[in-house]
PDB file of all heavy atoms in Angstrom:
ATOM      1  N   ASP A   1      60.833 258.116 141.342  1.00  0.00           N
ATOM      2  CA  ASP A   1      60.562 259.533 141.113  1.00  0.00           C
ATOM      3  C   ASP A   1      61.857 260.317 140.913  1.00  0.00           C
ATOM      4  O   ASP A   1      61.957 261.161 140.016  1.00  0.00           O
ATOM      5  CB  ASP A   1      59.780 260.123 142.283  1.00  0.00           C
ATOM      6  CG  ASP A   1      58.349 259.606 142.338  1.00  0.00           C
ATOM      7  OD1 ASP A   1      57.893 259.020 141.335  1.00  0.00           O
ATOM      8  OD2 ASP A   1      57.684 259.786 143.382  1.00  0.00           O
ATOM      9  N   ARG A   2      62.847 260.052 141.743  1.00  0.00           N
ATOM     10  CA  ARG A   2      64.119 260.770 141.613  1.00  0.00           C
ATOM     11  C   ARG A   2      64.781 260.462 140.268  1.00  0.00           C
ATOM     12  O   ARG A   2      65.288 261.370 139.596  1.00  0.00           O
ATOM     13  CB  ARG A   2      65.069 260.389 142.744  1.00  0.00           C
ATOM     14  CG  ARG A   2      64.793 261.119 144.023  1.00  0.00           C
ATOM     15  CD  ARG A   2      66.117 261.389 144.740  1.00  0.00           C
ATOM     16  NE  ARG A   2      65.892 261.642 146.141  1.00  0.00           N
ATOM     17  CZ  ARG A   2      66.839 262.040 146.974  1.00  0.00           C
ATOM     18  NH1 ARG A   2      68.074 262.215 146.544  1.00  0.00           N
ATOM     19  NH2 ARG A   2      66.574 262.259 148.246  1.00  0.00           N
ATOM     20  N   GLY A   3      64.813 259.181 139.917  1.00  0.00           N
ATOM     21  CA  GLY A   3      65.451 258.794 138.659  1.00  0.00           C
ATOM     22  C   GLY A   3      64.791 259.447 137.459  1.00  0.00           C
ATOM     23  O   GLY A   3      65.471 259.974 136.565  1.00  0.00           O
ATOM     24  N   LEU A   4      63.455 259.414 137.444  1.00  0.00           N
ATOM     25  CA  LEU A   4      62.733 259.979 136.302  1.00  0.00           C
ATOM     26  C   LEU A   4      62.872 261.499 136.268  1.00  0.00           C
ATOM     27  O   LEU A   4      63.042 262.095 135.195  1.00  0.00           O
ATOM     28  CB  LEU A   4      61.263 259.576 136.369  1.00  0.00           C
ATOM     29  CG  LEU A   4      60.428 259.899 135.120  1.00  0.00           C
ATOM     30  CD1 LEU A   4      61.022 259.226 133.887  1.00  0.00           C
ATOM     31  CD2 LEU A   4      58.982 259.468 135.311  1.00  0.00           C
ATOM     32  N   ARG A   5      62.821 262.136 137.438  1.00  0.00           N
ATOM     33  CA  ARG A   5      62.975 263.592 137.477  1.00  0.00           C
ATOM     34  C   ARG A   5      64.375 264.003 137.023  1.00  0.00           C
ATOM     35  O   ARG A   5      64.550 265.040 136.359  1.00  0.00           O
ATOM     36  CB  ARG A   5      62.691 264.115 138.882  1.00  0.00           C
ATOM     37  CG  ARG A   5      61.209 264.114 139.227  1.00  0.00           C
ATOM     38  CD  ARG A   5      60.956 264.554 140.654  1.00  0.00           C
ATOM     39  NE  ARG A   5      59.524 264.507 140.957  1.00  0.00           N
ATOM     40  CZ  ARG A   5      59.013 264.723 142.156  1.00  0.00           C
ATOM     41  NH1 ARG A   5      59.813 265.000 143.160  1.00  0.00           N
ATOM     42  NH2 ARG A   5      57.707 264.668 142.359  1.00  0.00           N
ATOM     43  N   THR A   6      65.373 263.209 137.381  1.00  0.00           N
ATOM     44  CA  THR A   6      66.727 263.485 136.909  1.00  0.00           C
ATOM     45  C   THR A   6      66.779 263.446 135.386  1.00  0.00           C
ATOM     46  O   THR A   6      67.338 264.341 134.740  1.00  0.00           O
ATOM     47  CB  THR A   6      67.713 262.463 137.502  1.00  0.00           C
ATOM     48  OG1 THR A   6      67.748 262.600 138.921  1.00  0.00           O
ATOM     49  CG2 THR A   6      69.111 262.663 136.937  1.00  0.00           C
ATOM     50  N   LEU A   7      66.185 262.417 134.809  1.00  0.00           N
ATOM     51  CA  LEU A   7      66.171 262.286 133.350  1.00  0.00           C
ATOM     52  C   LEU A   7      65.408 263.435 132.692  1.00  0.00           C
ATOM     53  O   LEU A   7      65.844 263.970 131.659  1.00  0.00           O
ATOM     54  CB  LEU A   7      65.555 260.942 132.951  1.00  0.00           C
ATOM     55  CG  LEU A   7      66.432 259.711 133.200  1.00  0.00           C
ATOM     56  CD1 LEU A   7      65.625 258.431 133.037  1.00  0.00           C
ATOM     57  CD2 LEU A   7      67.634 259.699 132.247  1.00  0.00           C
ATOM     58  N   MET A   8      64.281 263.811 133.265  1.00  0.00           N
ATOM     59  CA  MET A   8      63.494 264.905 132.689  1.00  0.00           C
ATOM     60  C   MET A   8      64.261 266.224 132.770  1.00  0.00           C
ATOM     61  O   MET A   8      64.194 267.045 131.847  1.00  0.00           O
ATOM     62  CB  MET A   8      62.156 265.023 133.406  1.00  0.00           C
ATOM     63  CG  MET A   8      61.229 263.818 133.217  1.00  0.00           C
ATOM     64  SD  MET A   8      60.918 263.418 131.474  1.00  0.00           S
ATOM     65  CE  MET A   8      60.037 264.901 130.955  1.00  0.00           C
ATOM     66  N   SER A   9      64.990 266.428 133.846  1.00  0.00           N
ATOM     67  CA  SER A   9      65.796 267.645 133.980  1.00  0.00           C
ATOM     68  C   SER A   9      66.892 267.675 132.915  1.00  0.00           C
ATOM     69  O   SER A   9      67.169 268.718 132.312  1.00  0.00           O
ATOM     70  CB  SER A   9      66.424 267.728 135.370  1.00  0.00           C
ATOM     71  OG  SER A   9      65.432 267.826 136.374  1.00  0.00           O
ATOM     72  N   LEU A  10      67.516 266.523 132.683  1.00  0.00           N
ATOM     73  CA  LEU A  10      68.546 266.434 131.651  1.00  0.00           C
ATOM     74  C   LEU A  10      67.960 266.700 130.265  1.00  0.00           C
ATOM     75  O   LEU A  10      68.581 267.381 129.434  1.00  0.00           O
ATOM     76  CB  LEU A  10      69.208 265.055 131.690  1.00  0.00           C
ATOM     77  CG  LEU A  10      70.055 264.745 132.928  1.00  0.00           C
ATOM     78  CD1 LEU A  10      70.413 263.269 132.972  1.00  0.00           C
ATOM     79  CD2 LEU A  10      71.322 265.593 132.961  1.00  0.00           C
ATOM     80  N   LYS A  11      66.774 266.167 130.034  1.00  0.00           N
ATOM     81  CA  LYS A  11      66.116 266.378 128.746  1.00  0.00           C
ATOM     82  C   LYS A  11      65.813 267.867 128.532  1.00  0.00           C
ATOM     83  O   LYS A  11      66.023 268.400 127.432  1.00  0.00           O
ATOM     84  CB  LYS A  11      64.836 265.555 128.675  1.00  0.00           C
ATOM     85  CG  LYS A  11      64.127 265.605 127.320  1.00  0.00           C
ATOM     86  CD  LYS A  11      62.908 264.692 127.325  1.00  0.00           C
ATOM     87  CE  LYS A  11      62.140 264.797 126.004  1.00  0.00           C
ATOM     88  NZ  LYS A  11      62.924 264.281 124.860  1.00  0.00           N
ATOM     89  N   GLU A  12      65.342 268.521 129.582  1.00  0.00           N
ATOM     90  CA  GLU A  12      65.039 269.953 129.485  1.00  0.00           C
ATOM     91  C   GLU A  12      66.300 270.772 129.218  1.00  0.00           C
ATOM     92  O   GLU A  12      66.249 271.829 128.586  1.00  0.00           O
ATOM     93  CB  GLU A  12      64.366 270.429 130.770  1.00  0.00           C
ATOM     94  CG  GLU A  12      62.941 269.908 130.939  1.00  0.00           C
ATOM     95  CD  GLU A  12      62.356 270.237 132.306  1.00  0.00           C
ATOM     96  OE1 GLU A  12      63.011 270.993 133.072  1.00  0.00           O
ATOM     97  OE2 GLU A  12      61.255 269.735 132.616  1.00  0.00           O
ATOM     98  N   MET A  13      67.457 270.273 129.685  1.00  0.00           N
ATOM     99  CA  MET A  13      68.732 270.952 129.444  1.00  0.00           C
ATOM    100  C   MET A  13      69.220 270.768 128.016  1.00  0.00           C
ATOM    101  O   MET A  13      70.149 271.448 127.581  1.00  0.00           O
ATOM    102  CB  MET A  13      69.801 270.406 130.397  1.00  0.00           C
ATOM    103  CG  MET A  13      69.613 270.740 131.846  1.00  0.00           C
ATOM    104  SD  MET A  13      70.797 269.820 132.880  1.00  0.00           S
ATOM    105  CE  MET A  13      72.375 270.367 132.204  1.00  0.00           C
ATOM    106  N   GLY A  14      68.619 269.803 127.318  1.00  0.00           N
ATOM    107  CA  GLY A  14      69.059 269.525 125.958  1.00  0.00           C
ATOM    108  C   GLY A  14      70.104 268.433 125.860  1.00  0.00           C
ATOM    109  O   GLY A  14      70.719 268.247 124.794  1.00  0.00           O
ATOM    110  N   ILE A  15      70.327 267.693 126.946  1.00  0.00           N
ATOM    111  CA  ILE A  15      71.270 266.572 126.906  1.00  0.00           C
ATOM    112  C   ILE A  15      70.667 265.465 126.043  1.00  0.00           C
ATOM    113  O   ILE A  15      69.534 265.030 126.274  1.00  0.00           O
ATOM    114  CB  ILE A  15      71.575 266.051 128.326  1.00  0.00           C
ATOM    115  CG1 ILE A  15      72.063 267.187 129.224  1.00  0.00           C
ATOM    116  CG2 ILE A  15      72.595 264.917 128.270  1.00  0.00           C
ATOM    117  CD1 ILE A  15      73.316 267.873 128.764  1.00  0.00           C
ATOM    118  N   LYS A  16      71.418 265.002 125.065  1.00  0.00           N
ATOM    119  CA  LYS A  16      70.877 264.065 124.072  1.00  0.00           C
ATOM    120  C   LYS A  16      71.027 262.589 124.466  1.00  0.00           C
ATOM    121  O   LYS A  16      70.132 261.777 124.229  1.00  0.00           O
ATOM    122  CB  LYS A  16      71.585 264.286 122.728  1.00  0.00           C
ATOM    123  CG  LYS A  16      71.503 265.713 122.197  1.00  0.00           C
ATOM    124  CD  LYS A  16      70.082 266.112 121.859  1.00  0.00           C
ATOM    125  CE  LYS A  16      70.045 267.503 121.233  1.00  0.00           C
ATOM    126  NZ  LYS A  16      68.649 267.965 120.997  1.00  0.00           N
ATOM    127  N   ASP A  17      72.181 262.255 125.035  1.00  0.00           N
ATOM    128  CA  ASP A  17      72.515 260.843 125.271  1.00  0.00           C
ATOM    129  C   ASP A  17      72.006 260.408 126.647  1.00  0.00           C
ATOM    130  O   ASP A  17      72.780 260.220 127.594  1.00  0.00           O
ATOM    131  CB  ASP A  17      74.024 260.652 125.162  1.00  0.00           C
ATOM    132  CG  ASP A  17      74.430 259.187 125.080  1.00  0.00           C
ATOM    133  OD1 ASP A  17      73.544 258.314 125.145  1.00  0.00           O
ATOM    134  OD2 ASP A  17      75.645 258.918 124.944  1.00  0.00           O
ATOM    135  N   ILE A  18      70.696 260.267 126.765  1.00  0.00           N
ATOM    136  CA  ILE A  18      70.099 259.903 128.054  1.00  0.00           C
ATOM    137  C   ILE A  18      69.110 258.753 127.870  1.00  0.00           C
ATOM    138  O   ILE A  18      68.556 258.556 126.790  1.00  0.00           O
ATOM    139  CB  ILE A  18      69.382 261.095 128.719  1.00  0.00           C
ATOM    140  CG1 ILE A  18      68.313 261.688 127.787  1.00  0.00           C
ATOM    141  CG2 ILE A  18      70.377 262.148 129.149  1.00  0.00           C
ATOM    142  CD1 ILE A  18      67.483 262.788 128.429  1.00  0.00           C
ATOM    143  N   GLY A  19      68.898 258.026 128.940  1.00  0.00           N
ATOM    144  CA  GLY A  19      67.941 256.923 128.885  1.00  0.00           C
ATOM    145  C   GLY A  19      67.946 256.162 130.189  1.00  0.00           C
ATOM    146  O   GLY A  19      68.613 256.536 131.156  1.00  0.00           O
ATOM    147  N   PHE A  20      67.199 255.086 130.217  1.00  0.00           N
ATOM    148  CA  PHE A  20      67.171 254.256 131.415  1.00  0.00           C
ATOM    149  C   PHE A  20      67.205 252.795 131.023  1.00  0.00           C
ATOM    150  O   PHE A  20      66.956 252.429 129.870  1.00  0.00           O
ATOM    151  CB  PHE A  20      65.985 254.580 132.327  1.00  0.00           C
ATOM    152  CG  PHE A  20      64.631 254.612 131.667  1.00  0.00           C
ATOM    153  CD1 PHE A  20      63.842 253.481 131.622  1.00  0.00           C
ATOM    154  CD2 PHE A  20      64.143 255.788 131.113  1.00  0.00           C
ATOM    155  CE1 PHE A  20      62.588 253.519 131.037  1.00  0.00           C
ATOM    156  CE2 PHE A  20      62.892 255.838 130.537  1.00  0.00           C
ATOM    157  CZ  PHE A  20      62.109 254.696 130.490  1.00  0.00           C
ATOM    158  N   GLY A  21      67.562 251.977 131.991  1.00  0.00           N
ATOM    159  CA  GLY A  21      67.687 250.553 131.735  1.00  0.00           C
ATOM    160  C   GLY A  21      67.067 249.731 132.833  1.00  0.00           C
ATOM    161  O   GLY A  21      67.041 250.148 133.995  1.00  0.00           O
ATOM    162  N   GLN A  22      66.577 248.567 132.469  1.00  0.00           N
ATOM    163  CA  GLN A  22      65.937 247.670 133.427  1.00  0.00           C
ATOM    164  C   GLN A  22      66.676 246.343 133.463  1.00  0.00           C
ATOM    165  O   GLN A  22      66.972 245.753 132.415  1.00  0.00           O
ATOM    166  CB  GLN A  22      64.477 247.420 133.046  1.00  0.00           C
ATOM    167  CG  GLN A  22      63.737 246.482 134.015  1.00  0.00           C
ATOM    168  CD  GLN A  22      62.355 246.100 133.532  1.00  0.00           C
ATOM    169  OE1 GLN A  22      62.042 246.248 132.352  1.00  0.00           O
ATOM    170  NE2 GLN A  22      61.521 245.607 134.421  1.00  0.00           N
ATOM    171  N   THR A  23      66.981 245.880 134.665  1.00  0.00           N
ATOM    172  CA  THR A  23      67.506 244.533 134.855  1.00  0.00           C
ATOM    173  C   THR A  23      66.328 243.630 135.195  1.00  0.00           C
ATOM    174  O   THR A  23      65.728 243.753 136.274  1.00  0.00           O
ATOM    175  CB  THR A  23      68.555 244.499 135.981  1.00  0.00           C
ATOM    176  OG1 THR A  23      69.650 245.344 135.622  1.00  0.00           O
ATOM    177  CG2 THR A  23      69.061 243.076 136.194  1.00  0.00           C
ATOM    178  N   VAL A  24      65.992 242.753 134.282  1.00  0.00           N
ATOM    179  CA  VAL A  24      64.800 241.923 134.434  1.00  0.00           C
ATOM    180  C   VAL A  24      65.100 240.734 135.340  1.00  0.00           C
ATOM    181  O   VAL A  24      66.109 240.041 135.181  1.00  0.00           O
ATOM    182  CB  VAL A  24      64.295 241.439 133.058  1.00  0.00           C
ATOM    183  CG1 VAL A  24      63.114 240.479 133.218  1.00  0.00           C
ATOM    184  CG2 VAL A  24      63.897 242.636 132.199  1.00  0.00           C
ATOM    185  N   SER A  25      64.215 240.532 136.298  1.00  0.00           N
ATOM    186  CA  SER A  25      64.339 239.432 137.249  1.00  0.00           C
ATOM    187  C   SER A  25      63.011 238.694 137.342  1.00  0.00           C
ATOM    188  O   SER A  25      62.124 238.876 136.506  1.00  0.00           O
ATOM    189  CB  SER A  25      64.753 239.979 138.621  1.00  0.00           C
ATOM    190  OG  SER A  25      63.754 240.851 139.129  1.00  0.00           O
ATOM    191  N   ASN A  26      62.867 237.871 138.375  1.00  0.00           N
ATOM    192  CA  ASN A  26      61.624 237.115 138.546  1.00  0.00           C
ATOM    193  C   ASN A  26      60.425 238.016 138.811  1.00  0.00           C
ATOM    194  O   ASN A  26      59.297 237.671 138.476  1.00  0.00           O
ATOM    195  CB  ASN A  26      61.772 236.141 139.720  1.00  0.00           C
ATOM    196  CG  ASN A  26      62.807 235.072 139.456  1.00  0.00           C
ATOM    197  OD1 ASN A  26      62.886 234.542 138.365  1.00  0.00           O
ATOM    198  ND2 ASN A  26      63.619 234.759 140.452  1.00  0.00           N
ATOM    199  N   LYS A  27      60.675 239.173 139.422  1.00  0.00           N
ATOM    200  CA  LYS A  27      59.574 239.986 139.938  1.00  0.00           C
ATOM    201  C   LYS A  27      59.087 241.079 139.006  1.00  0.00           C
ATOM    202  O   LYS A  27      57.969 241.585 139.188  1.00  0.00           O
ATOM    203  CB  LYS A  27      59.992 240.622 141.270  1.00  0.00           C
ATOM    204  CG  LYS A  27      60.090 239.640 142.417  1.00  0.00           C
ATOM    205  CD  LYS A  27      60.266 240.388 143.731  1.00  0.00           C
ATOM    206  CE  LYS A  27      60.175 239.446 144.924  1.00  0.00           C
ATOM    207  NZ  LYS A  27      60.250 240.184 146.201  1.00  0.00           N
ATOM    208  N   ASN A  28      59.905 241.511 138.041  1.00  0.00           N
ATOM    209  CA  ASN A  28      59.571 242.760 137.359  1.00  0.00           C
ATOM    210  C   ASN A  28      59.388 242.669 135.851  1.00  0.00           C
ATOM    211  O   ASN A  28      59.310 243.695 135.181  1.00  0.00           O
ATOM    212  CB  ASN A  28      60.644 243.809 137.664  1.00  0.00           C
ATOM    213  CG  ASN A  28      62.011 243.441 137.097  1.00  0.00           C
ATOM    214  OD1 ASN A  28      62.233 242.313 136.658  1.00  0.00           O
ATOM    215  ND2 ASN A  28      62.923 244.390 137.111  1.00  0.00           N
ATOM    216  N   SER A  29      59.326 241.456 135.293  1.00  0.00           N
ATOM    217  CA  SER A  29      59.226 241.386 133.831  1.00  0.00           C
ATOM    218  C   SER A  29      57.901 241.946 133.319  1.00  0.00           C
ATOM    219  O   SER A  29      57.806 242.388 132.168  1.00  0.00           O
ATOM    220  CB  SER A  29      59.424 239.945 133.339  1.00  0.00           C
ATOM    221  OG  SER A  29      58.290 239.142 133.579  1.00  0.00           O
ATOM    222  N   HIS A  30      56.869 241.983 134.172  1.00  0.00           N
ATOM    223  CA  HIS A  30      55.583 242.532 133.749  1.00  0.00           C
ATOM    224  C   HIS A  30      55.658 244.050 133.536  1.00  0.00           C
ATOM    225  O   HIS A  30      54.768 244.633 132.909  1.00  0.00           O
ATOM    226  CB  HIS A  30      54.492 242.206 134.777  1.00  0.00           C
ATOM    227  CG  HIS A  30      54.813 242.653 136.161  1.00  0.00           C
ATOM    228  ND1 HIS A  30      55.573 241.900 137.027  1.00  0.00           N
ATOM    229  CD2 HIS A  30      54.506 243.788 136.845  1.00  0.00           C
ATOM    230  CE1 HIS A  30      55.706 242.533 138.187  1.00  0.00           C
ATOM    231  NE2 HIS A  30      55.066 243.691 138.083  1.00  0.00           N
ATOM    232  N   ASP A  31      56.724 244.682 134.046  1.00  0.00           N
ATOM    233  CA  ASP A  31      56.906 246.119 133.834  1.00  0.00           C
ATOM    234  C   ASP A  31      57.813 246.418 132.641  1.00  0.00           C
ATOM    235  O   ASP A  31      58.060 247.590 132.335  1.00  0.00           O
ATOM    236  CB  ASP A  31      57.498 246.768 135.087  1.00  0.00           C
ATOM    237  CG  ASP A  31      56.466 246.943 136.202  1.00  0.00           C
ATOM    238  OD1 ASP A  31      55.265 246.744 135.934  1.00  0.00           O
ATOM    239  OD2 ASP A  31      56.860 247.265 137.336  1.00  0.00           O
ATOM    240  N   LEU A  32      58.313 245.384 131.990  1.00  0.00           N
ATOM    241  CA  LEU A  32      59.241 245.573 130.864  1.00  0.00           C
ATOM    242  C   LEU A  32      58.599 246.378 129.735  1.00  0.00           C
ATOM    243  O   LEU A  32      59.167 247.373 129.261  1.00  0.00           O
ATOM    244  CB  LEU A  32      59.704 244.202 130.355  1.00  0.00           C
ATOM    245  CG  LEU A  32      60.621 244.180 129.128  1.00  0.00           C
ATOM    246  CD1 LEU A  32      61.959 244.845 129.437  1.00  0.00           C
ATOM    247  CD2 LEU A  32      60.854 242.734 128.665  1.00  0.00           C
ATOM    248  N   LEU A  33      57.433 245.981 129.308  1.00  0.00           N
ATOM    249  CA  LEU A  33      56.776 246.653 128.178  1.00  0.00           C
ATOM    250  C   LEU A  33      56.292 248.053 128.536  1.00  0.00           C
ATOM    251  O   LEU A  33      56.466 248.983 127.738  1.00  0.00           O
ATOM    252  CB  LEU A  33      55.652 245.783 127.640  1.00  0.00           C
ATOM    253  CG  LEU A  33      56.112 244.415 127.109  1.00  0.00           C
ATOM    254  CD1 LEU A  33      54.928 243.526 126.783  1.00  0.00           C
ATOM    255  CD2 LEU A  33      56.999 244.590 125.883  1.00  0.00           C
ATOM    256  N   PRO A  34      55.696 248.273 129.723  1.00  0.00           N
ATOM    257  CA  PRO A  34      55.348 249.649 130.092  1.00  0.00           C
ATOM    258  C   PRO A  34      56.555 250.590 130.143  1.00  0.00           C
ATOM    259  O   PRO A  34      56.464 251.751 129.728  1.00  0.00           O
ATOM    260  CB  PRO A  34      54.710 249.490 131.479  1.00  0.00           C
ATOM    261  CG  PRO A  34      54.155 248.105 131.485  1.00  0.00           C
ATOM    262  CD  PRO A  34      55.133 247.294 130.689  1.00  0.00           C
ATOM    263  N   LEU A  35      57.692 250.092 130.625  1.00  0.00           N
ATOM    264  CA  LEU A  35      58.889 250.938 130.661  1.00  0.00           C
ATOM    265  C   LEU A  35      59.386 251.240 129.249  1.00  0.00           C
ATOM    266  O   LEU A  35      59.835 252.358 128.959  1.00  0.00           O
ATOM    267  CB  LEU A  35      59.995 250.273 131.474  1.00  0.00           C
ATOM    268  CG  LEU A  35      59.837 250.278 132.994  1.00  0.00           C
ATOM    269  CD1 LEU A  35      61.007 249.568 133.653  1.00  0.00           C
ATOM    270  CD2 LEU A  35      59.719 251.703 133.530  1.00  0.00           C
ATOM    271  N   TYR A  36      59.321 250.246 128.385  1.00  0.00           N
ATOM    272  CA  TYR A  36      59.697 250.473 126.982  1.00  0.00           C
ATOM    273  C   TYR A  36      58.830 251.558 126.359  1.00  0.00           C
ATOM    274  O   TYR A  36      59.332 252.478 125.696  1.00  0.00           O
ATOM    275  CB  TYR A  36      59.580 249.167 126.200  1.00  0.00           C
ATOM    276  CG  TYR A  36      59.539 249.353 124.700  1.00  0.00           C
ATOM    277  CD1 TYR A  36      60.686 249.712 123.985  1.00  0.00           C
ATOM    278  CD2 TYR A  36      58.349 249.171 123.993  1.00  0.00           C
ATOM    279  CE1 TYR A  36      60.634 249.890 122.609  1.00  0.00           C
ATOM    280  CE2 TYR A  36      58.298 249.339 122.625  1.00  0.00           C
ATOM    281  CZ  TYR A  36      59.438 249.704 121.933  1.00  0.00           C
ATOM    282  OH  TYR A  36      59.390 249.883 120.569  1.00  0.00           O
ATOM    283  N   GLU A  37      57.522 251.477 126.578  1.00  0.00           N
ATOM    284  CA  GLU A  37      56.616 252.475 126.008  1.00  0.00           C
ATOM    285  C   GLU A  37      56.851 253.850 126.635  1.00  0.00           C
ATOM    286  O   GLU A  37      56.738 254.877 125.951  1.00  0.00           O
ATOM    287  CB  GLU A  37      55.159 252.039 126.193  1.00  0.00           C
ATOM    288  CG  GLU A  37      54.785 250.766 125.433  1.00  0.00           C
ATOM    289  CD  GLU A  37      54.914 250.902 123.916  1.00  0.00           C
ATOM    290  OE1 GLU A  37      55.004 252.044 123.416  1.00  0.00           O
ATOM    291  OE2 GLU A  37      54.944 249.864 123.233  1.00  0.00           O
ATOM    292  N   LEU A  38      57.193 253.869 127.927  1.00  0.00           N
ATOM    293  CA  LEU A  38      57.519 255.139 128.577  1.00  0.00           C
ATOM    294  C   LEU A  38      58.749 255.761 127.926  1.00  0.00           C
ATOM    295  O   LEU A  38      58.776 256.969 127.655  1.00  0.00           O
ATOM    296  CB  LEU A  38      57.762 254.912 130.070  1.00  0.00           C
ATOM    297  CG  LEU A  38      58.182 256.145 130.879  1.00  0.00           C
ATOM    298  CD1 LEU A  38      57.095 257.216 130.848  1.00  0.00           C
ATOM    299  CD2 LEU A  38      58.518 255.756 132.317  1.00  0.00           C
ATOM    300  N   SER A  39      59.751 254.952 127.664  1.00  0.00           N
ATOM    301  CA  SER A  39      60.968 255.477 127.036  1.00  0.00           C
ATOM    302  C   SER A  39      60.672 256.053 125.658  1.00  0.00           C
ATOM    303  O   SER A  39      61.205 257.103 125.278  1.00  0.00           O
ATOM    304  CB  SER A  39      62.038 254.377 126.935  1.00  0.00           C
ATOM    305  OG  SER A  39      61.702 253.415 125.941  1.00  0.00           O
ATOM    306  N   ARG A  40      59.811 255.394 124.913  1.00  0.00           N
ATOM    307  CA  ARG A  40      59.454 255.886 123.579  1.00  0.00           C
ATOM    308  C   ARG A  40      58.705 257.217 123.666  1.00  0.00           C
ATOM    309  O   ARG A  40      58.966 258.144 122.884  1.00  0.00           O
ATOM    310  CB  ARG A  40      58.591 254.867 122.843  1.00  0.00           C
ATOM    311  CG  ARG A  40      59.324 253.603 122.426  1.00  0.00           C
ATOM    312  CD  ARG A  40      58.531 252.850 121.357  1.00  0.00           C
ATOM    313  NE  ARG A  40      58.519 253.581 120.090  1.00  0.00           N
ATOM    314  CZ  ARG A  40      57.693 253.319 119.089  1.00  0.00           C
ATOM    315  NH1 ARG A  40      56.771 252.368 119.219  1.00  0.00           N
ATOM    316  NH2 ARG A  40      57.752 253.988 117.963  1.00  0.00           N
ATOM    317  N   SER A  41      57.798 257.309 124.619  1.00  0.00           N
ATOM    318  CA  SER A  41      57.016 258.536 124.743  1.00  0.00           C
ATOM    319  C   SER A  41      57.888 259.719 125.162  1.00  0.00           C
ATOM    320  O   SER A  41      57.590 260.868 124.831  1.00  0.00           O
ATOM    321  CB  SER A  41      55.877 258.342 125.752  1.00  0.00           C
ATOM    322  OG  SER A  41      56.383 258.169 127.067  1.00  0.00           O
ATOM    323  N   LEU A  42      58.982 259.428 125.889  1.00  0.00           N
ATOM    324  CA  LEU A  42      59.884 260.484 126.344  1.00  0.00           C
ATOM    325  C   LEU A  42      61.024 260.739 125.369  1.00  0.00           C
ATOM    326  O   LEU A  42      61.801 261.686 125.556  1.00  0.00           O
ATOM    327  CB  LEU A  42      60.467 260.112 127.713  1.00  0.00           C
ATOM    328  CG  LEU A  42      59.474 259.999 128.873  1.00  0.00           C
ATOM    329  CD1 LEU A  42      60.188 259.480 130.128  1.00  0.00           C
ATOM    330  CD2 LEU A  42      58.829 261.343 129.155  1.00  0.00           C
ATOM    331  N   GLY A  43      61.131 259.888 124.349  1.00  0.00           N
ATOM    332  CA  GLY A  43      62.224 260.029 123.396  1.00  0.00           C
ATOM    333  C   GLY A  43      63.576 259.696 123.994  1.00  0.00           C
ATOM    334  O   GLY A  43      64.593 260.312 123.668  1.00  0.00           O
ATOM    335  N   MET A  44      63.610 258.684 124.875  1.00  0.00           N
ATOM    336  CA  MET A  44      64.844 258.290 125.543  1.00  0.00           C
ATOM    337  C   MET A  44      65.226 256.863 125.182  1.00  0.00           C
ATOM    338  O   MET A  44      64.398 256.072 124.752  1.00  0.00           O
ATOM    339  CB  MET A  44      64.688 258.402 127.068  1.00  0.00           C
ATOM    340  CG  MET A  44      64.441 259.814 127.556  1.00  0.00           C
ATOM    341  SD  MET A  44      64.293 259.868 129.366  1.00  0.00           S
ATOM    342  CE  MET A  44      63.872 261.593 129.607  1.00  0.00           C
ATOM    343  N   GLU A  45      66.507 256.563 125.372  1.00  0.00           N
ATOM    344  CA  GLU A  45      67.002 255.216 125.130  1.00  0.00           C
ATOM    345  C   GLU A  45      66.472 254.265 126.206  1.00  0.00           C
ATOM    346  O   GLU A  45      66.249 254.665 127.351  1.00  0.00           O
ATOM    347  CB  GLU A  45      68.535 255.203 125.151  1.00  0.00           C
ATOM    348  CG  GLU A  45      69.193 256.103 124.119  1.00  0.00           C
ATOM    349  CD  GLU A  45      69.057 255.564 122.717  1.00  0.00           C
ATOM    350  OE1 GLU A  45      68.910 254.338 122.548  1.00  0.00           O
ATOM    351  OE2 GLU A  45      69.096 256.373 121.766  1.00  0.00           O
ATOM    352  N   PHE A  46      66.293 252.994 125.823  1.00  0.00           N
ATOM    353  CA  PHE A  46      65.851 251.983 126.781  1.00  0.00           C
ATOM    354  C   PHE A  46      66.718 250.744 126.634  1.00  0.00           C
ATOM    355  O   PHE A  46      66.744 250.123 125.563  1.00  0.00           O
ATOM    356  CB  PHE A  46      64.383 251.634 126.567  1.00  0.00           C
ATOM    357  CG  PHE A  46      63.857 250.597 127.524  1.00  0.00           C
ATOM    358  CD1 PHE A  46      63.881 250.817 128.890  1.00  0.00           C
ATOM    359  CD2 PHE A  46      63.335 249.398 127.053  1.00  0.00           C
ATOM    360  CE1 PHE A  46      63.397 249.851 129.774  1.00  0.00           C
ATOM    361  CE2 PHE A  46      62.844 248.435 127.923  1.00  0.00           C
ATOM    362  CZ  PHE A  46      62.873 248.669 129.292  1.00  0.00           C
ATOM    363  N   ALA A  47      67.452 250.417 127.678  1.00  0.00           N
ATOM    364  CA  ALA A  47      68.345 249.262 127.670  1.00  0.00           C
ATOM    365  C   ALA A  47      67.801 248.177 128.584  1.00  0.00           C
ATOM    366  O   ALA A  47      67.073 248.458 129.540  1.00  0.00           O
ATOM    367  CB  ALA A  47      69.739 249.673 128.135  1.00  0.00           C
TER     368      ALA A  47
END
């Protein structure tokens, strides 16, 4: 929640170079595609 709210606040300020990144491990690869789609819907970079 904190991370996403930080990004949304930056977006509202007009900061352009923002995004989030995921380090894929054994436990979280099933969230890879949902996070990618979230980044697209928010217009943010996804690494």
